[in-house]
């Protein structure tokens, strides 16, 4: 597991949701698309969002591409920078979107 890379997505067979490594999921991709749409509407760059939130720009890029899931704290900070409600970045997300794809060969929690 990678240190400090946690999200609330539950992996099958994993007991503690709080210690699940960040892995791409349909939920991460959906949230990332919403973040990018709201950022573009505000005519902000990823670097400007990073500066406004004190989140590294590489993380902003990873969130928007769906490679990584932001923590709740990061999601709230990003929503504030985009001047939207945090719930707007979760619009349309359902629990089944958090399943890890069967073809994902990345290291998984055991």
Protein backbone atom coordinates (compact mmCIF):
# COMPACT_ATOMS: atom_id res chain seq x y z
CA UNK A 1 0.00 0.00 0.00
CA UNK A 2 1.16 3.52 -0.69
CA UNK A 3 1.39 5.80 2.37
CA UNK A 4 -1.20 8.58 2.63
CA UNK A 5 -3.11 7.43 -0.42
CA UNK A 6 -6.46 6.49 0.99
CA UNK A 7 -10.06 6.81 -0.11
CA UNK A 8 -13.42 5.54 1.04
CA UNK A 9 -13.90 3.08 -1.83
CA UNK A 10 -14.33 -0.51 -0.64
CA UNK A 11 -12.38 -3.24 -2.37
CA UNK A 12 -13.97 -6.69 -2.37
CA UNK A 13 -12.73 -8.71 0.57
CA UNK A 14 -11.12 -5.72 2.28
CA UNK A 15 -12.28 -5.16 5.83
CA UNK A 16 -11.38 -1.53 6.51
CA UNK A 17 -12.73 1.00 4.01
CA UNK A 18 -10.53 3.70 5.59
CA UNK A 19 -7.37 1.89 4.50
CA UNK A 20 -8.20 1.23 0.86
CA UNK A 21 -5.55 2.34 -1.65
CA UNK A 22 -6.67 4.82 -4.26
CA UNK A 23 -7.48 2.97 -7.46
CA UNK A 24 -9.18 4.14 -10.61
CA UNK A 25 -12.91 3.51 -10.69
CA UNK A 26 -15.92 4.71 -12.61
CA UNK A 27 -16.67 6.96 -9.62
CA UNK A 28 -13.22 8.58 -9.79
CA UNK A 29 -13.61 9.13 -13.55
CA UNK A 30 -17.08 10.64 -13.11
CA UNK A 31 -15.99 12.97 -10.30
CA UNK A 32 -12.94 13.98 -12.34
CA UNK A 33 -15.11 14.87 -15.34
CA UNK A 34 -17.35 17.02 -13.13
CA UNK A 35 -14.33 18.75 -11.60
CA UNK A 36 -12.93 19.52 -15.06
CA UNK A 37 -16.28 20.82 -16.33
CA UNK A 38 -16.71 23.18 -13.38
CA UNK A 39 -13.07 24.31 -13.64
CA UNK A 40 -13.45 25.12 -17.33
CA UNK A 41 -16.69 27.04 -16.71
CA UNK A 42 -14.76 29.22 -14.29
CA UNK A 43 -11.97 29.54 -16.88
CA UNK A 44 -9.39 28.29 -14.39
CA UNK A 45 -6.34 26.19 -15.15
CA UNK A 46 -5.44 23.10 -13.18
CA UNK A 47 -2.48 25.03 -11.77
CA UNK A 48 -4.77 27.81 -10.56
CA UNK A 49 -7.02 25.30 -8.80
CA UNK A 50 -3.94 23.71 -7.27
CA UNK A 51 -2.72 27.06 -5.97
CA UNK A 52 -6.15 27.99 -4.58
CA UNK A 53 -6.49 24.67 -2.76
CA UNK A 54 -2.87 23.99 -1.74
CA UNK A 55 -3.20 20.64 -3.51
CA UNK A 56 -0.34 19.65 -5.78
CA UNK A 57 -1.18 20.21 -9.45
CA UNK A 58 -0.22 16.60 -10.25
CA UNK A 59 -2.98 15.50 -7.87
CA UNK A 60 -5.49 17.82 -9.57
CA UNK A 61 -4.53 16.26 -12.91
CA UNK A 62 -4.86 12.74 -11.45
CA UNK A 63 -8.31 13.58 -10.04
CA UNK A 64 -9.55 15.07 -13.30
CA UNK A 65 -8.27 12.12 -15.33
CA UNK A 66 -9.91 9.64 -12.98
CA UNK A 67 -6.60 8.03 -12.01
CA UNK A 68 -7.10 8.96 -8.37
CA UNK A 69 -10.01 9.68 -6.02
CA UNK A 70 -9.81 12.87 -3.94
CA UNK A 71 -10.37 12.60 -0.20
CA UNK A 72 -13.47 14.27 1.19
CA UNK A 73 -11.31 17.11 2.51
CA UNK A 74 -9.69 17.64 -0.90
CA UNK A 75 -13.07 17.43 -2.63
CA UNK A 76 -14.45 20.18 -0.37
CA UNK A 77 -11.39 22.39 -0.95
CA UNK A 78 -11.69 21.93 -4.71
CA UNK A 79 -15.42 22.70 -4.63
CA UNK A 80 -14.70 25.91 -2.70
CA UNK A 81 -12.08 26.95 -5.27
CA UNK A 82 -14.57 26.25 -8.07
CA UNK A 83 -17.33 28.11 -6.20
CA UNK A 84 -19.69 25.12 -6.26
CA UNK A 85 -21.21 22.94 -3.55
CA UNK A 86 -19.20 19.78 -2.83
CA UNK A 87 -22.32 17.80 -3.72
CA UNK A 88 -22.16 19.22 -7.25
CA UNK A 89 -18.93 17.24 -7.72
CA UNK A 90 -20.74 14.07 -6.63
CA UNK A 91 -23.80 14.54 -8.85
CA UNK A 92 -24.76 11.19 -10.38
CA UNK A 93 -22.26 9.09 -8.40
CA UNK A 94 -23.66 5.75 -7.26
CA UNK A 95 -22.18 3.08 -4.99
CA UNK A 96 -21.73 0.58 -7.82
CA UNK A 97 -19.35 3.03 -9.51
CA UNK A 98 -16.74 2.32 -6.81
CA UNK A 99 -16.12 -1.28 -7.85
CA UNK A 100 -12.59 -1.97 -9.02
CA UNK A 101 -12.55 -3.14 -12.60
CA UNK A 102 -11.65 -6.81 -13.05
CA UNK A 103 -9.00 -5.89 -15.64
CA UNK A 104 -7.21 -3.48 -13.27
CA UNK A 105 -3.79 -5.09 -12.71
CA UNK A 106 -2.52 -2.55 -10.20
CA UNK A 107 -1.47 -3.66 -6.77
CA UNK A 108 -4.52 -4.25 -4.57
CA UNK A 109 -4.96 -4.42 -0.83
CA UNK A 110 -4.85 -7.95 0.54
